[in-house]
Amino acid sequence: MKPRLILLLVVSHAMVAFIGFAAGIYTLPLLTASAAPDQAQLKSIQTQAEFTASFVRELKGSDSLHWGEGQVSINSQHIALEGELSPGPDFKLYLAPEFVETEQEFNALKSKMVQVGSVNRFDNFIVDVPSHIDPANYNTVIVWCESFGEFITAAKYQ
């Protein structure tokens, strides 16, 4: 085989492998997402909410691949979203004492935040709040992609 043909084959196969890998990272979380909470569970948490907030797409750190939108309901036992997040791997839910909307702001304040738990759905999720965490001690809820260090969304609730 000619060296030029070999190079073309190597480059084309590498591109296909990269596209497949990227597609896998994007779709695997969708395939492995946990079951959605039913509407009765969401409504129960919404009626017992001590705080509410809204995720919006128009934050500085959000973009077309990293965003969230919908109504967040918070009480001492649960944090629930009736809405949608962009799909991605390893999303974590944090509470912060100050509002942040970029990766830089998140990283600067991370030592003062508390990780509540994992987000295993991209629409209508409920995350249990551990008993040692009091949401009243914070004012912002944040979704963060731990694996890639990506800011997804945030909302100030008090």
N, C-alpha and C. Protein backbone atom coordinates (compact mmCIF):
# COMPACT_ATOMS: atom_id res chain seq x y z
N MET A 1 0.84 -1.19 0.00
CA MET A 1 0.00 0.00 0.00
C MET A 1 0.88 1.25 0.00
N LYS A 2 0.33 2.25 -0.60
CA LYS A 2 1.04 3.52 -0.67
C LYS A 2 0.94 4.23 0.68
N PRO A 3 1.99 4.94 1.08
CA PRO A 3 1.97 5.66 2.36
C PRO A 3 0.81 6.66 2.46
N ARG A 4 0.47 7.27 1.35
CA ARG A 4 -0.63 8.25 1.37
C ARG A 4 -1.96 7.57 1.68
N LEU A 5 -2.20 6.40 1.13
CA LEU A 5 -3.41 5.64 1.37
C LEU A 5 -3.47 5.18 2.83
N ILE A 6 -2.34 4.73 3.34
CA ILE A 6 -2.28 4.30 4.74
C ILE A 6 -2.61 5.47 5.67
N LEU A 7 -2.04 6.63 5.41
CA LEU A 7 -2.31 7.83 6.21
C LEU A 7 -3.79 8.20 6.15
N LEU A 8 -4.37 8.14 4.94
CA LEU A 8 -5.78 8.45 4.79
C LEU A 8 -6.65 7.48 5.58
N LEU A 9 -6.32 6.20 5.56
CA LEU A 9 -7.07 5.20 6.31
C LEU A 9 -6.94 5.42 7.82
N VAL A 10 -5.75 5.72 8.28
CA VAL A 10 -5.53 5.95 9.71
C VAL A 10 -6.33 7.17 10.17
N VAL A 11 -6.25 8.26 9.41
CA VAL A 11 -6.96 9.48 9.78
C VAL A 11 -8.48 9.26 9.75
N SER A 12 -8.98 8.62 8.72
CA SER A 12 -10.44 8.41 8.62
C SER A 12 -10.93 7.49 9.74
N HIS A 13 -10.19 6.44 10.06
CA HIS A 13 -10.60 5.55 11.13
C HIS A 13 -10.52 6.24 12.50
N ALA A 14 -9.52 7.07 12.69
CA ALA A 14 -9.41 7.82 13.95
C ALA A 14 -10.59 8.78 14.11
N MET A 15 -10.99 9.41 13.01
CA MET A 15 -12.13 10.33 13.07
C MET A 15 -13.41 9.57 13.41
N VAL A 16 -13.63 8.42 12.81
CA VAL A 16 -14.82 7.63 13.08
C VAL A 16 -14.80 7.16 14.54
N ALA A 17 -13.64 6.74 15.03
CA ALA A 17 -13.54 6.30 16.43
C ALA A 17 -13.84 7.47 17.38
N PHE A 18 -13.34 8.66 17.07
CA PHE A 18 -13.61 9.82 17.91
C PHE A 18 -15.09 10.17 17.92
N ILE A 19 -15.72 10.16 16.75
CA ILE A 19 -17.15 10.48 16.66
C ILE A 19 -17.95 9.44 17.43
N GLY A 20 -17.60 8.18 17.32
CA GLY A 20 -18.29 7.12 18.06
C GLY A 20 -18.13 7.28 19.56
N PHE A 21 -16.92 7.61 19.99
CA PHE A 21 -16.66 7.82 21.42
C PHE A 21 -17.48 9.00 21.94
N ALA A 22 -17.49 10.10 21.22
CA ALA A 22 -18.26 11.28 21.63
C ALA A 22 -19.75 10.97 21.68
N ALA A 23 -20.25 10.25 20.69
CA ALA A 23 -21.66 9.88 20.68
C ALA A 23 -21.98 8.97 21.87
N GLY A 24 -21.06 8.09 22.22
CA GLY A 24 -21.26 7.21 23.37
C GLY A 24 -21.32 7.97 24.67
N ILE A 25 -20.44 8.95 24.84
CA ILE A 25 -20.45 9.77 26.05
C ILE A 25 -21.78 10.52 26.16
N TYR A 26 -22.30 10.97 25.05
CA TYR A 26 -23.56 11.72 25.06
C TYR A 26 -24.76 10.82 25.30
N THR A 27 -24.79 9.63 24.68
CA THR A 27 -26.00 8.80 24.75
C THR A 27 -26.01 7.81 25.91
N LEU A 28 -24.86 7.40 26.42
CA LEU A 28 -24.85 6.43 27.51
C LEU A 28 -25.67 6.89 28.73
N PRO A 29 -25.52 8.14 29.17
CA PRO A 29 -26.35 8.58 30.30
C PRO A 29 -27.85 8.50 30.01
N LEU A 30 -28.24 8.71 28.77
CA LEU A 30 -29.66 8.59 28.42
C LEU A 30 -30.13 7.15 28.55
N LEU A 31 -29.28 6.22 28.15
CA LEU A 31 -29.65 4.80 28.18
C LEU A 31 -29.66 4.24 29.60
N THR A 32 -28.85 4.80 30.48
CA THR A 32 -28.72 4.27 31.84
C THR A 32 -29.45 5.12 32.88
N ALA A 33 -30.23 6.09 32.45
CA ALA A 33 -30.94 6.98 33.38
C ALA A 33 -31.92 6.18 34.23
N SER A 34 -32.08 6.61 35.48
CA SER A 34 -33.02 5.95 36.38
C SER A 34 -34.46 6.27 35.96
N ALA A 35 -35.40 5.55 36.54
CA ALA A 35 -36.81 5.76 36.22
C ALA A 35 -37.26 7.14 36.70
N ALA A 36 -38.15 7.73 35.95
CA ALA A 36 -38.65 9.06 36.30
C ALA A 36 -39.58 8.97 37.52
N PRO A 37 -39.51 9.98 38.39
CA PRO A 37 -40.48 10.01 39.50
C PRO A 37 -41.86 10.29 38.93
N ASP A 38 -42.88 9.76 39.58
CA ASP A 38 -44.22 10.03 39.07
C ASP A 38 -44.65 11.44 39.48
N GLN A 39 -45.67 11.92 38.82
CA GLN A 39 -46.13 13.29 39.06
C GLN A 39 -46.61 13.50 40.49
N ALA A 40 -47.15 12.47 41.11
CA ALA A 40 -47.61 12.60 42.50
C ALA A 40 -46.43 12.89 43.44
N GLN A 41 -45.30 12.22 43.21
CA GLN A 41 -44.11 12.47 44.03
C GLN A 41 -43.63 13.91 43.84
N LEU A 42 -43.55 14.34 42.59
CA LEU A 42 -43.11 15.71 42.32
C LEU A 42 -44.05 16.74 42.95
N LYS A 43 -45.34 16.54 42.80
CA LYS A 43 -46.32 17.48 43.35
C LYS A 43 -46.24 17.52 44.88
N SER A 44 -46.00 16.37 45.50
CA SER A 44 -45.88 16.31 46.95
C SER A 44 -44.70 17.16 47.43
N ILE A 45 -43.57 17.02 46.75
CA ILE A 45 -42.39 17.81 47.13
C ILE A 45 -42.62 19.29 46.85
N GLN A 46 -43.29 19.60 45.74
CA GLN A 46 -43.58 20.99 45.42
C GLN A 46 -44.47 21.64 46.48
N THR A 47 -45.45 20.91 46.98
CA THR A 47 -46.34 21.49 47.99
C THR A 47 -45.66 21.63 49.35
N GLN A 48 -44.62 20.81 49.60
CA GLN A 48 -43.89 20.87 50.86
C GLN A 48 -42.61 21.72 50.75
N ALA A 49 -42.43 22.38 49.62
CA ALA A 49 -41.19 23.13 49.38
C ALA A 49 -41.03 24.29 50.35
N GLU A 50 -39.85 24.38 50.92
CA GLU A 50 -39.48 25.53 51.73
C GLU A 50 -38.92 26.64 50.85
N PHE A 51 -38.34 26.22 49.71
CA PHE A 51 -37.75 27.16 48.75
C PHE A 51 -38.06 26.69 47.34
N THR A 52 -38.14 27.65 46.42
CA THR A 52 -38.28 27.33 45.00
C THR A 52 -37.32 28.22 44.22
N ALA A 53 -36.96 27.73 43.06
CA ALA A 53 -36.08 28.48 42.16
C ALA A 53 -36.32 27.98 40.75
N SER A 54 -35.76 28.68 39.78
CA SER A 54 -35.90 28.28 38.39
C SER A 54 -34.55 28.17 37.71
N PHE A 55 -34.32 27.03 37.06
CA PHE A 55 -33.17 26.90 36.17
C PHE A 55 -33.55 27.55 34.85
N VAL A 56 -32.65 28.36 34.31
CA VAL A 56 -32.86 29.01 33.01
C VAL A 56 -31.66 28.74 32.12
N ARG A 57 -31.87 28.73 30.83
CA ARG A 57 -30.80 28.44 29.87
C ARG A 57 -29.83 29.61 29.69
N GLU A 58 -30.22 30.81 30.02
CA GLU A 58 -29.45 32.00 29.66
C GLU A 58 -28.36 32.38 30.65
N LEU A 59 -27.75 31.44 31.33
CA LEU A 59 -26.66 31.76 32.25
C LEU A 59 -25.34 31.89 31.47
N LYS A 60 -24.41 32.67 32.01
CA LYS A 60 -23.12 32.88 31.34
C LYS A 60 -22.39 31.58 31.07
N GLY A 61 -22.43 30.65 32.03
CA GLY A 61 -21.67 29.41 31.89
C GLY A 61 -22.40 28.30 31.16
N SER A 62 -23.66 28.52 30.82
CA SER A 62 -24.42 27.51 30.08
C SER A 62 -24.23 27.73 28.58
N ASP A 63 -24.37 26.66 27.82
CA ASP A 63 -24.29 26.75 26.37
C ASP A 63 -25.22 25.71 25.77
N SER A 64 -25.12 25.47 24.48
CA SER A 64 -26.06 24.56 23.81
C SER A 64 -25.91 23.11 24.25
N LEU A 65 -24.79 22.73 24.86
CA LEU A 65 -24.59 21.37 25.34
C LEU A 65 -24.69 21.24 26.86
N HIS A 66 -24.71 22.36 27.57
CA HIS A 66 -24.71 22.36 29.04
C HIS A 66 -25.73 23.37 29.53
N TRP A 67 -26.92 22.90 29.90
CA TRP A 67 -28.00 23.81 30.29
C TRP A 67 -29.02 23.07 31.14
N GLY A 68 -29.89 23.84 31.74
CA GLY A 68 -31.01 23.30 32.49
C GLY A 68 -32.13 24.32 32.48
N GLU A 69 -33.36 23.81 32.58
CA GLU A 69 -34.51 24.71 32.68
C GLU A 69 -35.62 24.00 33.43
N GLY A 70 -36.36 24.76 34.21
CA GLY A 70 -37.47 24.20 34.94
C GLY A 70 -37.54 24.71 36.36
N GLN A 71 -38.53 24.23 37.08
CA GLN A 71 -38.81 24.65 38.45
C GLN A 71 -38.15 23.70 39.45
N VAL A 72 -37.36 24.24 40.36
CA VAL A 72 -36.71 23.46 41.41
C VAL A 72 -37.44 23.70 42.72
N SER A 73 -37.76 22.61 43.41
CA SER A 73 -38.42 22.68 44.72
C SER A 73 -37.49 22.08 45.75
N ILE A 74 -37.30 22.77 46.88
CA ILE A 74 -36.32 22.36 47.87
C ILE A 74 -36.96 22.33 49.25
N ASN A 75 -36.76 21.21 49.95
CA ASN A 75 -37.10 21.15 51.37
C ASN A 75 -35.97 20.41 52.08
N SER A 76 -36.11 20.18 53.34
CA SER A 76 -35.00 19.59 54.11
C SER A 76 -34.75 18.13 53.75
N GLN A 77 -35.67 17.50 53.03
CA GLN A 77 -35.51 16.08 52.70
C GLN A 77 -35.25 15.81 51.22
N HIS A 78 -35.71 16.71 50.35
CA HIS A 78 -35.62 16.45 48.91
C HIS A 78 -35.36 17.74 48.12
N ILE A 79 -34.71 17.55 46.97
CA ILE A 79 -34.62 18.60 45.96
C ILE A 79 -35.16 17.98 44.69
N ALA A 80 -36.16 18.63 44.10
CA ALA A 80 -36.82 18.08 42.93
C ALA A 80 -36.81 19.09 41.79
N LEU A 81 -36.66 18.59 40.59
CA LEU A 81 -36.75 19.42 39.39
C LEU A 81 -37.92 18.94 38.56
N GLU A 82 -38.80 19.86 38.22
CA GLU A 82 -39.78 19.60 37.19
C GLU A 82 -39.32 20.42 36.00
N GLY A 83 -38.62 19.76 35.12
CA GLY A 83 -38.01 20.43 33.99
C GLY A 83 -37.05 19.49 33.29
N GLU A 84 -35.98 20.05 32.74
CA GLU A 84 -35.09 19.27 31.90
C GLU A 84 -33.65 19.78 32.01
N LEU A 85 -32.71 18.84 31.92
CA LEU A 85 -31.28 19.15 31.85
C LEU A 85 -30.73 18.60 30.54
N SER A 86 -29.65 19.21 30.06
CA SER A 86 -28.96 18.62 28.92
C SER A 86 -28.38 17.28 29.37
N PRO A 87 -28.35 16.28 28.49
CA PRO A 87 -27.79 14.98 28.90
C PRO A 87 -26.28 15.07 29.08
N GLY A 88 -25.78 14.25 29.97
CA GLY A 88 -24.34 14.19 30.20
C GLY A 88 -24.02 13.22 31.31
N PRO A 89 -22.75 12.87 31.45
CA PRO A 89 -22.36 11.91 32.47
C PRO A 89 -22.05 12.56 33.81
N ASP A 90 -22.27 11.83 34.86
CA ASP A 90 -21.76 12.17 36.19
C ASP A 90 -22.19 13.53 36.70
N PHE A 91 -23.49 13.85 36.57
CA PHE A 91 -24.00 15.12 37.09
C PHE A 91 -24.16 15.01 38.60
N LYS A 92 -23.74 16.05 39.30
CA LYS A 92 -23.86 16.16 40.76
C LYS A 92 -24.65 17.41 41.09
N LEU A 93 -25.40 17.31 42.18
CA LEU A 93 -26.19 18.44 42.67
C LEU A 93 -25.48 19.02 43.88
N TYR A 94 -25.22 20.32 43.85
CA TYR A 94 -24.53 21.03 44.93
C TYR A 94 -25.43 22.13 45.48
N LEU A 95 -25.19 22.48 46.74
CA LEU A 95 -25.76 23.69 47.33
C LEU A 95 -24.59 24.62 47.63
N ALA A 96 -24.80 25.90 47.35
CA ALA A 96 -23.73 26.89 47.53
C ALA A 96 -24.24 28.09 48.32
N PRO A 97 -23.33 28.76 49.05
CA PRO A 97 -23.73 29.94 49.81
C PRO A 97 -23.84 31.21 48.96
N GLU A 98 -23.38 31.14 47.71
CA GLU A 98 -23.45 32.29 46.80
C GLU A 98 -23.83 31.79 45.41
N PHE A 99 -24.51 32.65 44.66
CA PHE A 99 -24.88 32.30 43.30
C PHE A 99 -23.65 32.27 42.40
N VAL A 100 -23.52 31.24 41.59
CA VAL A 100 -22.46 31.13 40.59
C VAL A 100 -23.10 30.77 39.26
N GLU A 101 -22.45 31.19 38.17
CA GLU A 101 -22.97 30.83 36.86
C GLU A 101 -21.89 30.53 35.83
N THR A 102 -20.67 30.28 36.30
CA THR A 102 -19.59 29.88 35.40
C THR A 102 -18.73 28.82 36.08
N GLU A 103 -17.93 28.14 35.28
CA GLU A 103 -17.00 27.14 35.83
C GLU A 103 -15.99 27.78 36.77
N GLN A 104 -15.50 28.95 36.40
CA GLN A 104 -14.50 29.63 37.23
C GLN A 104 -15.08 30.00 38.59
N GLU A 105 -16.28 30.53 38.61
CA GLU A 105 -16.93 30.89 39.87
C GLU A 105 -17.21 29.64 40.70
N PHE A 106 -17.63 28.55 40.05
CA PHE A 106 -17.89 27.30 40.75
C PHE A 106 -16.61 26.80 41.42
N ASN A 107 -15.53 26.73 40.65
CA ASN A 107 -14.27 26.21 41.20
C ASN A 107 -13.73 27.09 42.32
N ALA A 108 -13.92 28.39 42.23
CA ALA A 108 -13.45 29.30 43.28
C ALA A 108 -14.23 29.11 44.58
N LEU A 109 -15.48 28.71 44.49
CA LEU A 109 -16.34 28.60 45.67
C LEU A 109 -16.57 27.15 46.11
N LYS A 110 -16.04 26.18 45.38
CA LYS A 110 -16.35 24.76 45.62
C LYS A 110 -16.07 24.32 47.05
N SER A 111 -15.04 24.85 47.68
CA SER A 111 -14.71 24.44 49.05
C SER A 111 -15.79 24.85 50.06
N LYS A 112 -16.63 25.81 49.71
CA LYS A 112 -17.70 26.26 50.60
C LYS A 112 -19.04 25.63 50.26
N MET A 113 -19.06 24.79 49.22
CA MET A 113 -20.30 24.14 48.79
C MET A 113 -20.43 22.77 49.44
N VAL A 114 -21.61 22.20 49.31
CA VAL A 114 -21.85 20.84 49.78
C VAL A 114 -22.50 20.06 48.63
N GLN A 115 -21.97 18.85 48.40
CA GLN A 115 -22.54 17.99 47.38
C GLN A 115 -23.71 17.22 47.98
N VAL A 116 -24.87 17.39 47.40
CA VAL A 116 -26.08 16.75 47.90
C VAL A 116 -26.19 15.32 47.40
N GLY A 117 -25.92 15.11 46.13
CA GLY A 117 -26.03 13.77 45.56
C GLY A 117 -25.89 13.78 44.06
N SER A 118 -26.14 12.62 43.47
CA SER A 118 -26.02 12.44 42.02
C SER A 118 -27.36 12.70 41.35
N VAL A 119 -27.30 13.25 40.15
CA VAL A 119 -28.48 13.44 39.31
C VAL A 119 -28.42 12.35 38.24
N ASN A 120 -29.37 11.43 38.29
CA ASN A 120 -29.37 10.29 37.38
C ASN A 120 -30.46 10.35 36.33
N ARG A 121 -31.08 11.51 36.18
CA ARG A 121 -32.10 11.73 35.15
C ARG A 121 -31.87 13.10 34.55
N PHE A 122 -32.46 13.30 33.39
CA PHE A 122 -32.30 14.58 32.71
C PHE A 122 -33.63 15.30 32.55
N ASP A 123 -34.64 14.74 33.20
CA ASP A 123 -35.92 15.43 33.31
C ASP A 123 -36.61 14.94 34.58
N ASN A 124 -37.29 15.84 35.24
CA ASN A 124 -38.10 15.51 36.42
C ASN A 124 -37.38 14.58 37.41
N PHE A 125 -36.35 15.08 38.06
CA PHE A 125 -35.64 14.24 39.02
C PHE A 125 -35.95 14.64 40.46
N ILE A 126 -35.66 13.71 41.37
CA ILE A 126 -35.72 13.96 42.81
C ILE A 126 -34.42 13.45 43.41
N VAL A 127 -33.75 14.30 44.19
CA VAL A 127 -32.53 13.92 44.89
C VAL A 127 -32.81 14.04 46.39
N ASP A 128 -32.51 12.99 47.13
CA ASP A 128 -32.68 13.02 48.58
C ASP A 128 -31.58 13.88 49.21
N VAL A 129 -31.97 14.70 50.18
CA VAL A 129 -31.01 15.54 50.90
C VAL A 129 -30.55 14.77 52.14
N PRO A 130 -29.24 14.52 52.28
CA PRO A 130 -28.75 13.84 53.49
C PRO A 130 -29.12 14.62 54.75
N SER A 131 -29.31 13.92 55.84
CA SER A 131 -29.79 14.56 57.08
C SER A 131 -28.82 15.59 57.64
N HIS A 132 -27.53 15.50 57.32
CA HIS A 132 -26.55 16.46 57.85
C HIS A 132 -26.50 17.77 57.05
N ILE A 133 -27.29 17.86 55.98
CA ILE A 133 -27.30 19.07 55.14
C ILE A 133 -28.60 19.83 55.39
N ASP A 134 -28.48 21.12 55.68
CA ASP A 134 -29.64 21.98 55.84
C ASP A 134 -29.67 22.99 54.69
N PRO A 135 -30.59 22.84 53.74
CA PRO A 135 -30.64 23.76 52.60
C PRO A 135 -30.80 25.22 53.00
N ALA A 136 -31.33 25.49 54.19
CA ALA A 136 -31.49 26.87 54.65
C ALA A 136 -30.15 27.57 54.87
N ASN A 137 -29.06 26.80 54.98
CA ASN A 137 -27.73 27.38 55.17
C ASN A 137 -27.08 27.80 53.85
N TYR A 138 -27.78 27.60 52.75
CA TYR A 138 -27.25 27.92 51.42
C TYR A 138 -28.30 28.74 50.68
N ASN A 139 -27.94 29.26 49.51
CA ASN A 139 -28.94 30.02 48.75
C ASN A 139 -29.00 29.66 47.27
N THR A 140 -28.16 28.72 46.83
CA THR A 140 -28.10 28.39 45.41
C THR A 140 -28.00 26.88 45.23
N VAL A 141 -28.73 26.37 44.24
CA VAL A 141 -28.63 24.97 43.85
C VAL A 141 -27.94 24.93 42.48
N ILE A 142 -26.99 23.98 42.34
CA ILE A 142 -26.16 23.92 41.14
C ILE A 142 -26.10 22.49 40.62
N VAL A 143 -26.16 22.34 39.31
CA VAL A 143 -25.89 21.06 38.66
C VAL A 143 -24.53 21.19 37.98
N TRP A 144 -23.64 20.24 38.27
CA TRP A 144 -22.26 20.27 37.82
C TRP A 144 -21.89 18.90 37.26
N CYS A 145 -21.16 18.86 36.17
CA CYS A 145 -20.66 17.60 35.60
C CYS A 145 -19.29 17.34 36.21
N GLU A 146 -19.24 16.39 37.12
CA GLU A 146 -18.01 16.12 37.87
C GLU A 146 -16.90 15.57 36.97
N SER A 147 -17.23 14.67 36.07
CA SER A 147 -16.21 14.02 35.22
C SER A 147 -15.46 15.00 34.34
N PHE A 148 -16.18 15.96 33.77
CA PHE A 148 -15.56 16.88 32.82
C PHE A 148 -15.38 18.29 33.37
N GLY A 149 -15.77 18.52 34.64
CA GLY A 149 -15.62 19.84 35.21
C GLY A 149 -16.40 20.89 34.47
N GLU A 150 -17.64 20.56 34.11
CA GLU A 150 -18.47 21.47 33.33
C GLU A 150 -19.63 22.01 34.16
N PHE A 151 -19.82 23.31 34.10
CA PHE A 151 -20.98 23.94 34.71
C PHE A 151 -22.20 23.63 33.83
N ILE A 152 -23.27 23.19 34.46
CA ILE A 152 -24.49 22.90 33.72
C ILE A 152 -25.52 24.01 33.94
N THR A 153 -25.93 24.22 35.20
CA THR A 153 -26.91 25.27 35.50
C THR A 153 -26.92 25.56 36.99
N ALA A 154 -27.55 26.66 37.35
CA ALA A 154 -27.68 27.05 38.77
C ALA A 154 -28.92 27.92 38.92
N ALA A 155 -29.42 27.96 40.16
CA ALA A 155 -30.57 28.81 40.47
C ALA A 155 -30.46 29.27 41.91
N LYS A 156 -30.70 30.56 42.12
CA LYS A 156 -30.69 31.11 43.48
C LYS A 156 -32.09 30.96 44.07
N TYR A 157 -32.17 30.39 45.27
CA TYR A 157 -33.48 30.15 45.88
C TYR A 157 -33.75 30.99 47.11
N GLN A 158 -32.80 31.72 47.61
CA GLN A 158 -33.08 32.66 48.71
C GLN A 158 -32.03 33.73 48.76
